[in-house]
């Protein structure tokens, strides 16, 4: 009589489950990193508009206001 080899599939299934969980966790961390970078870029690209209401028409005052607005 020949003995049939019985292979255990338990360790194979366990290994696959661990690999799948690690892949999902890596994708989650990668997506959160990309989302954080997108939020930082959006915050940096938005600028604050300050309205200067100056009644003087002096050239030097207008240049100073323009330089202050650019900063």
N, C-alpha and C. Protein backbone atom coordinates (compact mmCIF):
# COMPACT_ATOMS: atom_id res chain seq x y z
N UNK A 1 0.82 -1.17 0.00
CA UNK A 1 0.00 0.00 0.00
C UNK A 1 0.87 1.25 0.00
N UNK A 2 0.46 2.17 -0.79
CA UNK A 2 1.21 3.42 -0.84
C UNK A 2 0.58 4.42 0.12
N UNK A 3 1.45 5.18 0.77
CA UNK A 3 0.95 6.21 1.67
C UNK A 3 0.76 7.50 0.88
N UNK A 4 -0.39 8.08 1.05
CA UNK A 4 -0.64 9.35 0.39
C UNK A 4 -0.15 10.47 1.30
N UNK A 5 0.54 11.37 0.67
CA UNK A 5 1.02 12.51 1.45
C UNK A 5 -0.10 13.52 1.61
N UNK A 6 -0.35 13.89 2.81
CA UNK A 6 -1.38 14.89 3.10
C UNK A 6 -0.67 16.20 3.36
N UNK A 7 -0.94 17.14 2.51
CA UNK A 7 -0.31 18.44 2.66
C UNK A 7 -1.25 19.34 3.45
N UNK A 8 -0.68 20.03 4.40
CA UNK A 8 -1.47 20.96 5.18
C UNK A 8 -1.55 22.29 4.44
N UNK A 9 -2.74 22.78 4.26
CA UNK A 9 -2.94 24.05 3.59
C UNK A 9 -3.10 25.18 4.59
N UNK A 10 -3.17 24.87 5.85
CA UNK A 10 -3.33 25.88 6.89
C UNK A 10 -2.22 26.92 6.90
N UNK A 11 -0.95 26.50 6.90
CA UNK A 11 0.13 27.49 6.87
C UNK A 11 0.14 28.35 5.60
N UNK A 12 -0.25 27.76 4.49
CA UNK A 12 -0.29 28.51 3.23
C UNK A 12 -1.38 29.58 3.30
N UNK A 13 -2.56 29.21 3.80
CA UNK A 13 -3.65 30.17 3.92
C UNK A 13 -3.28 31.27 4.92
N UNK A 14 -2.68 30.90 6.02
CA UNK A 14 -2.26 31.89 7.02
C UNK A 14 -1.26 32.87 6.46
N UNK A 15 -0.31 32.38 5.69
CA UNK A 15 0.68 33.25 5.07
C UNK A 15 0.03 34.20 4.08
N UNK A 16 -0.90 33.70 3.27
CA UNK A 16 -1.60 34.56 2.32
C UNK A 16 -2.41 35.64 3.03
N UNK A 17 -3.06 35.28 4.13
CA UNK A 17 -3.84 36.27 4.88
C UNK A 17 -2.93 37.36 5.43
N UNK A 18 -1.78 36.98 5.97
CA UNK A 18 -0.84 37.96 6.50
C UNK A 18 -0.33 38.87 5.39
N UNK A 19 -0.01 38.33 4.25
CA UNK A 19 0.48 39.13 3.11
C UNK A 19 -0.60 40.09 2.64
N UNK A 20 -1.85 39.62 2.56
CA UNK A 20 -2.95 40.50 2.13
C UNK A 20 -3.15 41.63 3.12
N UNK A 21 -3.10 41.34 4.41
CA UNK A 21 -3.25 42.38 5.43
C UNK A 21 -2.12 43.40 5.32
N UNK A 22 -0.90 42.95 5.11
CA UNK A 22 0.24 43.87 4.96
C UNK A 22 0.10 44.75 3.72
N UNK A 23 -0.39 44.20 2.63
CA UNK A 23 -0.58 44.98 1.41
C UNK A 23 -1.65 46.04 1.63
N UNK A 24 -2.75 45.67 2.28
CA UNK A 24 -3.82 46.64 2.54
C UNK A 24 -3.32 47.75 3.47
N UNK A 25 -2.55 47.39 4.48
CA UNK A 25 -2.01 48.40 5.40
C UNK A 25 -1.05 49.33 4.67
N UNK A 26 -0.23 48.80 3.78
CA UNK A 26 0.71 49.63 3.03
C UNK A 26 -0.04 50.59 2.11
N UNK A 27 -1.10 50.13 1.46
CA UNK A 27 -1.90 51.00 0.61
C UNK A 27 -2.58 52.10 1.42
N UNK A 28 -3.06 51.76 2.61
CA UNK A 28 -3.69 52.76 3.47
C UNK A 28 -2.70 53.84 3.89
N UNK A 29 -1.51 53.44 4.29
CA UNK A 29 -0.49 54.41 4.70
C UNK A 29 -0.07 55.27 3.51
N UNK A 30 0.10 54.66 2.36
CA UNK A 30 0.48 55.41 1.15
C UNK A 30 -0.60 56.42 0.77
N UNK A 31 -1.86 56.01 0.82
CA UNK A 31 -2.96 56.91 0.47
C UNK A 31 -3.07 58.06 1.46
N UNK A 32 -2.86 57.80 2.75
CA UNK A 32 -2.92 58.88 3.73
C UNK A 32 -1.75 59.85 3.54
N UNK A 33 -0.60 59.34 3.14
CA UNK A 33 0.56 60.20 2.88
C UNK A 33 0.28 61.10 1.67
N UNK A 34 -0.28 60.53 0.61
CA UNK A 34 -0.61 61.32 -0.58
C UNK A 34 -1.67 62.37 -0.25
N UNK A 35 -2.67 61.99 0.55
CA UNK A 35 -3.72 62.92 0.93
C UNK A 35 -3.14 64.07 1.76
N UNK A 36 -2.23 63.77 2.68
CA UNK A 36 -1.61 64.80 3.50
C UNK A 36 -0.80 65.75 2.64
N UNK A 37 -0.07 65.23 1.66
CA UNK A 37 0.72 66.07 0.77
C UNK A 37 -0.19 66.96 -0.08
N UNK A 38 -1.31 66.43 -0.53
CA UNK A 38 -2.25 67.22 -1.33
C UNK A 38 -2.83 68.36 -0.50
N UNK A 39 -3.14 68.08 0.77
CA UNK A 39 -3.67 69.13 1.64
C UNK A 39 -2.63 70.21 1.89
N UNK A 40 -1.37 69.82 2.09
CA UNK A 40 -0.32 70.81 2.31
C UNK A 40 -0.13 71.68 1.07
N UNK A 41 -0.15 71.06 -0.10
CA UNK A 41 0.00 71.82 -1.34
C UNK A 41 -1.17 72.77 -1.56
N UNK A 42 -2.37 72.33 -1.22
CA UNK A 42 -3.55 73.19 -1.39
C UNK A 42 -3.48 74.37 -0.43
N UNK A 43 -3.01 74.13 0.79
CA UNK A 43 -2.91 75.23 1.75
C UNK A 43 -1.82 76.22 1.36
N UNK A 44 -0.75 75.73 0.77
CA UNK A 44 0.33 76.62 0.38
C UNK A 44 -0.03 77.43 -0.86
N UNK A 45 -0.84 76.86 -1.75
CA UNK A 45 -1.17 77.57 -2.98
C UNK A 45 -2.25 78.62 -2.78
N UNK A 46 -3.06 78.47 -1.75
CA UNK A 46 -4.07 79.49 -1.50
C UNK A 46 -3.41 80.70 -0.86
N UNK A 47 -3.77 81.84 -1.35
CA UNK A 47 -3.14 83.06 -0.84
C UNK A 47 -4.20 83.98 -0.27
N UNK A 48 -3.76 84.82 0.62
CA UNK A 48 -4.65 85.77 1.24
C UNK A 48 -4.57 87.08 0.48
N UNK A 49 -5.73 87.60 0.14
CA UNK A 49 -5.78 88.86 -0.59
C UNK A 49 -6.09 89.96 0.41
N UNK A 50 -5.19 90.92 0.48
CA UNK A 50 -5.38 92.05 1.37
C UNK A 50 -5.68 93.28 0.52
N UNK A 51 -6.73 93.94 0.83
CA UNK A 51 -7.12 95.12 0.08
C UNK A 51 -6.60 96.35 0.81
N UNK A 52 -5.80 97.10 0.11
CA UNK A 52 -5.26 98.33 0.67
C UNK A 52 -6.08 99.50 0.13
N UNK A 53 -6.62 100.26 1.02
CA UNK A 53 -7.36 101.44 0.59
C UNK A 53 -6.59 102.66 1.06
N UNK A 54 -5.86 103.19 0.14
CA UNK A 54 -5.03 104.34 0.45
C UNK A 54 -5.48 105.47 -0.46
N UNK A 55 -5.71 106.61 0.12
CA UNK A 55 -6.23 107.72 -0.67
C UNK A 55 -5.13 108.55 -1.30
N UNK A 56 -3.88 108.22 -1.01
CA UNK A 56 -2.80 109.01 -1.59
C UNK A 56 -2.41 108.46 -2.95
N UNK A 57 -2.00 109.35 -3.82
CA UNK A 57 -1.57 108.95 -5.15
C UNK A 57 -0.07 109.12 -5.32
N UNK A 58 0.63 109.25 -4.23
CA UNK A 58 2.07 109.40 -4.27
C UNK A 58 2.69 108.13 -4.84
N UNK A 59 3.61 108.27 -5.76
CA UNK A 59 4.22 107.12 -6.44
C UNK A 59 4.95 106.24 -5.44
N UNK A 60 5.71 106.81 -4.54
CA UNK A 60 6.48 106.03 -3.58
C UNK A 60 5.55 105.25 -2.65
N UNK A 61 4.47 105.85 -2.24
CA UNK A 61 3.51 105.16 -1.38
C UNK A 61 2.86 104.00 -2.11
N UNK A 62 2.53 104.20 -3.36
CA UNK A 62 1.95 103.12 -4.16
C UNK A 62 2.94 101.98 -4.36
N UNK A 63 4.22 102.30 -4.57
CA UNK A 63 5.25 101.27 -4.71
C UNK A 63 5.40 100.50 -3.42
N UNK A 64 5.39 101.19 -2.29
CA UNK A 64 5.51 100.52 -1.01
C UNK A 64 4.32 99.60 -0.76
N UNK A 65 3.13 100.07 -1.09
CA UNK A 65 1.94 99.23 -0.93
C UNK A 65 2.03 98.00 -1.81
N UNK A 66 2.50 98.15 -3.03
CA UNK A 66 2.65 97.03 -3.94
C UNK A 66 3.68 96.04 -3.41
N UNK A 67 4.80 96.52 -2.95
CA UNK A 67 5.84 95.64 -2.40
C UNK A 67 5.34 94.91 -1.17
N UNK A 68 4.58 95.58 -0.31
CA UNK A 68 4.04 94.93 0.87
C UNK A 68 3.00 93.87 0.49
N UNK A 69 2.25 94.11 -0.56
CA UNK A 69 1.24 93.15 -0.99
C UNK A 69 1.88 91.90 -1.58
N UNK A 70 3.04 92.05 -2.20
CA UNK A 70 3.71 90.91 -2.82
C UNK A 70 4.32 89.99 -1.76
N UNK A 71 4.79 90.56 -0.68
CA UNK A 71 5.43 89.76 0.38
C UNK A 71 4.48 88.86 0.99
